[in-house]
């Protein structure tokens, strides 16, 4: 969304909270499937997959804290607004694209 003066507008807090909750529930479902021994999960990949999901859950929790403190949607590095389109795809993202690319 943009305003009539062209500034990026963040998703509303309820929308952001709903997206974060959806992401959290999806990751928890994935963890339960791994723990229940889903047939498509190979044993040697299970620890890495579990660790990856847990890292995303931590990122989701961190995004929830940013939302509560009013800094959600602001890049943690450059302090510019993260485009709403990026937040719609990855609601837990903490960096804008440019800062994310520099971090890699």
N, C-alpha and C. Protein backbone atom coordinates (compact mmCIF):
# COMPACT_ATOMS: atom_id res chain seq x y z
N UNK A 1 0.83 -1.18 0.00
CA UNK A 1 0.00 0.00 0.00
C UNK A 1 0.88 1.24 0.00
N UNK A 2 0.44 2.27 -0.67
CA UNK A 2 1.12 3.55 -0.61
C UNK A 2 0.10 4.63 -0.32
N UNK A 3 0.58 5.69 0.27
CA UNK A 3 -0.29 6.83 0.54
C UNK A 3 -0.29 7.71 -0.69
N UNK A 4 -1.10 8.76 -0.67
CA UNK A 4 -1.16 9.62 -1.84
C UNK A 4 0.11 10.44 -2.06
N UNK A 5 1.00 10.50 -1.08
CA UNK A 5 2.27 11.18 -1.28
C UNK A 5 3.38 10.19 -1.59
N UNK A 6 3.04 8.91 -1.81
CA UNK A 6 4.01 7.95 -2.27
C UNK A 6 4.84 7.27 -1.19
N UNK A 7 4.53 7.49 0.04
CA UNK A 7 5.27 6.84 1.12
C UNK A 7 4.75 5.42 1.32
N UNK A 8 5.67 4.51 1.70
CA UNK A 8 5.26 3.14 1.98
C UNK A 8 4.46 3.12 3.27
N UNK A 9 3.36 2.42 3.25
CA UNK A 9 2.52 2.30 4.43
C UNK A 9 2.60 0.85 4.91
N UNK A 10 2.80 0.66 6.19
CA UNK A 10 2.90 -0.68 6.75
C UNK A 10 1.53 -1.32 6.89
N UNK A 11 1.53 -2.65 6.89
CA UNK A 11 0.29 -3.38 7.15
C UNK A 11 -0.18 -3.00 8.55
N UNK A 12 -1.48 -3.10 8.76
CA UNK A 12 -2.00 -2.78 10.08
C UNK A 12 -1.49 -3.80 11.08
N UNK A 13 -1.48 -3.43 12.33
CA UNK A 13 -1.01 -4.34 13.38
C UNK A 13 -1.80 -5.64 13.41
N UNK A 14 -3.14 -5.60 13.31
CA UNK A 14 -3.88 -6.88 13.29
C UNK A 14 -3.51 -7.76 12.10
N UNK A 15 -3.30 -7.15 10.93
CA UNK A 15 -2.90 -7.93 9.75
C UNK A 15 -1.52 -8.55 9.97
N UNK A 16 -0.59 -7.78 10.47
CA UNK A 16 0.76 -8.28 10.72
C UNK A 16 0.72 -9.39 11.76
N UNK A 17 -0.02 -9.18 12.82
CA UNK A 17 -0.13 -10.20 13.88
C UNK A 17 -0.74 -11.49 13.32
N UNK A 18 -1.74 -11.36 12.44
CA UNK A 18 -2.38 -12.53 11.83
C UNK A 18 -1.39 -13.29 10.95
N UNK A 19 -0.60 -12.57 10.17
CA UNK A 19 0.41 -13.22 9.32
C UNK A 19 1.46 -13.94 10.16
N UNK A 20 1.90 -13.29 11.21
CA UNK A 20 2.89 -13.92 12.09
C UNK A 20 2.33 -15.17 12.75
N UNK A 21 1.09 -15.11 13.19
CA UNK A 21 0.45 -16.26 13.82
C UNK A 21 0.32 -17.42 12.82
N UNK A 22 -0.03 -17.09 11.59
CA UNK A 22 -0.13 -18.11 10.55
C UNK A 22 1.24 -18.78 10.32
N UNK A 23 2.28 -17.97 10.22
CA UNK A 23 3.64 -18.51 10.03
C UNK A 23 4.04 -19.40 11.21
N UNK A 24 3.73 -18.94 12.41
CA UNK A 24 4.07 -19.72 13.62
C UNK A 24 3.34 -21.07 13.59
N UNK A 25 2.06 -21.05 13.31
CA UNK A 25 1.28 -22.29 13.27
C UNK A 25 1.80 -23.25 12.21
N UNK A 26 2.17 -22.71 11.05
CA UNK A 26 2.71 -23.55 9.98
C UNK A 26 4.01 -24.22 10.41
N UNK A 27 4.88 -23.47 11.06
CA UNK A 27 6.16 -24.04 11.51
C UNK A 27 5.96 -25.07 12.62
N UNK A 28 5.02 -24.80 13.52
CA UNK A 28 4.74 -25.77 14.58
C UNK A 28 4.18 -27.07 14.00
N UNK A 29 3.36 -26.96 12.98
CA UNK A 29 2.82 -28.14 12.30
C UNK A 29 3.96 -28.93 11.66
N UNK A 30 4.90 -28.24 11.05
CA UNK A 30 6.06 -28.91 10.46
C UNK A 30 6.87 -29.64 11.53
N UNK A 31 7.09 -29.01 12.66
CA UNK A 31 7.85 -29.65 13.74
C UNK A 31 7.13 -30.89 14.25
N UNK A 32 5.81 -30.80 14.41
CA UNK A 32 5.04 -31.97 14.86
C UNK A 32 5.16 -33.12 13.87
N UNK A 33 5.13 -32.80 12.58
CA UNK A 33 5.26 -33.84 11.56
C UNK A 33 6.63 -34.51 11.64
N UNK A 34 7.66 -33.74 11.88
CA UNK A 34 9.00 -34.31 12.02
C UNK A 34 9.06 -35.18 13.26
N UNK A 35 8.55 -34.67 14.37
CA UNK A 35 8.58 -35.43 15.63
C UNK A 35 7.76 -36.71 15.54
N UNK A 36 6.69 -36.69 14.74
CA UNK A 36 5.85 -37.87 14.58
C UNK A 36 6.43 -38.85 13.57
N UNK A 37 7.61 -38.53 13.02
CA UNK A 37 8.26 -39.43 12.10
C UNK A 37 7.62 -39.47 10.74
N UNK A 38 7.33 -38.29 10.20
CA UNK A 38 6.74 -38.21 8.87
C UNK A 38 7.59 -39.01 7.89
N UNK A 39 6.99 -39.82 7.06
CA UNK A 39 7.73 -40.71 6.17
C UNK A 39 8.62 -40.01 5.15
N UNK A 40 8.34 -38.76 4.81
CA UNK A 40 9.16 -38.06 3.82
C UNK A 40 10.42 -37.45 4.41
N UNK A 41 10.60 -37.51 5.72
CA UNK A 41 11.76 -36.91 6.38
C UNK A 41 12.83 -37.97 6.60
N UNK A 42 13.98 -37.78 5.96
CA UNK A 42 15.08 -38.72 6.14
C UNK A 42 15.78 -38.40 7.45
N UNK A 43 16.22 -39.46 8.15
CA UNK A 43 16.83 -39.30 9.47
C UNK A 43 18.02 -38.35 9.47
N UNK A 44 18.87 -38.42 8.47
CA UNK A 44 20.07 -37.59 8.47
C UNK A 44 19.76 -36.11 8.26
N UNK A 45 18.63 -35.79 7.69
CA UNK A 45 18.25 -34.39 7.46
C UNK A 45 17.40 -33.83 8.59
N UNK A 46 16.86 -34.68 9.41
CA UNK A 46 15.93 -34.26 10.45
C UNK A 46 16.51 -33.21 11.40
N UNK A 47 17.72 -33.40 11.94
CA UNK A 47 18.24 -32.37 12.86
C UNK A 47 18.41 -30.99 12.20
N UNK A 48 18.88 -30.97 10.97
CA UNK A 48 19.07 -29.69 10.28
C UNK A 48 17.72 -29.04 9.98
N UNK A 49 16.77 -29.85 9.57
CA UNK A 49 15.43 -29.33 9.27
C UNK A 49 14.78 -28.78 10.54
N UNK A 50 14.89 -29.51 11.62
CA UNK A 50 14.34 -29.07 12.90
C UNK A 50 14.99 -27.76 13.35
N UNK A 51 16.32 -27.67 13.24
CA UNK A 51 17.03 -26.46 13.65
C UNK A 51 16.60 -25.27 12.79
N UNK A 52 16.41 -25.50 11.50
CA UNK A 52 15.98 -24.43 10.61
C UNK A 52 14.59 -23.91 11.00
N UNK A 53 13.69 -24.82 11.28
CA UNK A 53 12.34 -24.42 11.69
C UNK A 53 12.39 -23.67 13.02
N UNK A 54 13.22 -24.11 13.93
CA UNK A 54 13.33 -23.43 15.23
C UNK A 54 13.90 -22.02 15.07
N UNK A 55 14.84 -21.84 14.13
CA UNK A 55 15.38 -20.49 13.87
C UNK A 55 14.28 -19.57 13.34
N UNK A 56 13.44 -20.10 12.44
CA UNK A 56 12.34 -19.28 11.91
C UNK A 56 11.36 -18.94 13.03
N UNK A 57 11.08 -19.89 13.91
CA UNK A 57 10.20 -19.60 15.05
C UNK A 57 10.77 -18.49 15.92
N UNK A 58 12.09 -18.47 16.11
CA UNK A 58 12.72 -17.40 16.88
C UNK A 58 12.57 -16.06 16.15
N UNK A 59 12.71 -16.09 14.82
CA UNK A 59 12.53 -14.86 14.02
C UNK A 59 11.09 -14.37 14.13
N UNK A 60 10.14 -15.29 14.14
CA UNK A 60 8.73 -14.92 14.27
C UNK A 60 8.49 -14.28 15.64
N UNK A 61 9.05 -14.87 16.70
CA UNK A 61 8.92 -14.30 18.04
C UNK A 61 9.53 -12.90 18.10
N UNK A 62 10.69 -12.74 17.47
CA UNK A 62 11.35 -11.44 17.44
C UNK A 62 10.50 -10.41 16.70
N UNK A 63 9.88 -10.83 15.60
CA UNK A 63 8.99 -9.92 14.85
C UNK A 63 7.79 -9.52 15.71
N UNK A 64 7.27 -10.47 16.48
CA UNK A 64 6.17 -10.15 17.39
C UNK A 64 6.57 -9.12 18.42
N UNK A 65 7.80 -9.21 18.91
CA UNK A 65 8.30 -8.22 19.86
C UNK A 65 8.46 -6.85 19.20
N UNK A 66 8.97 -6.85 17.96
CA UNK A 66 9.09 -5.57 17.23
C UNK A 66 7.71 -4.96 17.01
N UNK A 67 6.73 -5.80 16.72
CA UNK A 67 5.37 -5.31 16.53
C UNK A 67 4.85 -4.67 17.82
N UNK A 68 5.09 -5.32 18.94
CA UNK A 68 4.64 -4.81 20.23
C UNK A 68 5.34 -3.50 20.61
N UNK A 69 6.61 -3.35 20.17
CA UNK A 69 7.39 -2.16 20.54
C UNK A 69 7.34 -1.05 19.49
N UNK A 70 6.59 -1.30 18.41
CA UNK A 70 6.42 -0.26 17.40
C UNK A 70 7.53 -0.16 16.36
N UNK A 71 8.44 -1.12 16.31
CA UNK A 71 9.51 -1.06 15.32
C UNK A 71 9.34 -2.08 14.19
N UNK A 72 8.21 -2.77 14.18
CA UNK A 72 7.93 -3.74 13.12
C UNK A 72 7.86 -3.03 11.78
N UNK A 73 8.50 -3.61 10.77
CA UNK A 73 8.47 -3.03 9.44
C UNK A 73 9.58 -2.03 9.20
N UNK A 74 10.47 -1.87 10.17
CA UNK A 74 11.62 -1.00 10.02
C UNK A 74 12.87 -1.87 9.99
N UNK A 75 13.72 -1.67 9.00
CA UNK A 75 14.94 -2.45 8.86
C UNK A 75 15.82 -2.25 10.10
N UNK A 76 16.30 -3.34 10.66
CA UNK A 76 17.12 -3.26 11.87
C UNK A 76 18.49 -2.65 11.60
N UNK A 77 18.94 -2.64 10.34
CA UNK A 77 20.25 -2.08 10.02
C UNK A 77 20.17 -0.61 9.62
N UNK A 78 19.44 -0.34 8.55
CA UNK A 78 19.44 1.02 7.98
C UNK A 78 18.30 1.89 8.51
N UNK A 79 17.36 1.27 9.22
CA UNK A 79 16.22 1.97 9.84
C UNK A 79 15.23 2.53 8.82
N UNK A 80 15.32 2.08 7.57
CA UNK A 80 14.33 2.48 6.58
C UNK A 80 13.16 1.51 6.63
N UNK A 81 12.05 1.92 6.06
CA UNK A 81 10.87 1.06 6.03
C UNK A 81 11.11 -0.14 5.12
N UNK A 82 10.72 -1.31 5.61
CA UNK A 82 10.75 -2.52 4.80
C UNK A 82 9.47 -2.48 3.96
N UNK A 83 9.58 -2.67 2.65
CA UNK A 83 8.37 -2.61 1.81
C UNK A 83 7.30 -3.59 2.29
N UNK A 84 6.07 -3.13 2.28
CA UNK A 84 4.95 -3.93 2.75
C UNK A 84 4.84 -5.23 1.96
N UNK A 85 5.21 -5.20 0.68
CA UNK A 85 5.16 -6.42 -0.13
C UNK A 85 6.11 -7.48 0.41
N UNK A 86 7.27 -7.06 0.89
CA UNK A 86 8.24 -7.99 1.48
C UNK A 86 7.67 -8.57 2.78
N UNK A 87 7.03 -7.73 3.56
CA UNK A 87 6.44 -8.20 4.82
C UNK A 87 5.25 -9.13 4.59
N UNK A 88 4.56 -8.94 3.47
CA UNK A 88 3.46 -9.84 3.16
C UNK A 88 3.97 -11.25 2.85
N UNK A 89 5.14 -11.33 2.21
CA UNK A 89 5.72 -12.62 1.86
C UNK A 89 6.44 -13.24 3.05
N UNK A 90 7.24 -12.44 3.74
CA UNK A 90 8.00 -12.90 4.91
C UNK A 90 7.69 -11.97 6.09
N UNK A 91 6.59 -12.20 6.78
CA UNK A 91 6.16 -11.26 7.81
C UNK A 91 7.13 -11.14 9.00
N UNK A 92 8.07 -12.03 9.09
CA UNK A 92 9.01 -12.00 10.21
C UNK A 92 10.36 -11.39 9.83
N UNK A 93 10.51 -10.91 8.60
CA UNK A 93 11.77 -10.39 8.13
C UNK A 93 12.18 -9.15 8.94
N UNK A 94 13.49 -9.04 9.22
CA UNK A 94 13.98 -7.93 10.02
C UNK A 94 14.80 -6.93 9.21
N UNK A 95 15.14 -7.30 7.97
CA UNK A 95 15.99 -6.45 7.15
C UNK A 95 15.34 -6.16 5.80
N UNK A 96 15.65 -5.01 5.24
CA UNK A 96 15.22 -4.71 3.89
C UNK A 96 16.07 -5.56 2.93
N UNK A 97 15.71 -5.60 1.67
CA UNK A 97 16.42 -6.43 0.70
C UNK A 97 17.89 -6.03 0.60
N UNK A 98 18.17 -4.74 0.51
CA UNK A 98 19.56 -4.27 0.36
C UNK A 98 20.41 -4.70 1.56
N UNK A 99 19.91 -4.55 2.76
CA UNK A 99 20.67 -4.94 3.95
C UNK A 99 20.79 -6.46 4.05
N UNK A 100 19.74 -7.17 3.64
CA UNK A 100 19.80 -8.64 3.64
C UNK A 100 20.87 -9.14 2.69
N UNK A 101 20.96 -8.53 1.51
CA UNK A 101 21.99 -8.92 0.54
C UNK A 101 23.39 -8.65 1.07
N UNK A 102 23.57 -7.55 1.77
CA UNK A 102 24.88 -7.25 2.36
C UNK A 102 25.23 -8.20 3.49
N UNK A 103 24.22 -8.76 4.14
CA UNK A 103 24.45 -9.66 5.27
C UNK A 103 24.89 -11.05 4.82
N UNK A 104 24.64 -11.37 3.56
CA UNK A 104 24.95 -12.72 3.07
C UNK A 104 26.41 -12.88 2.76
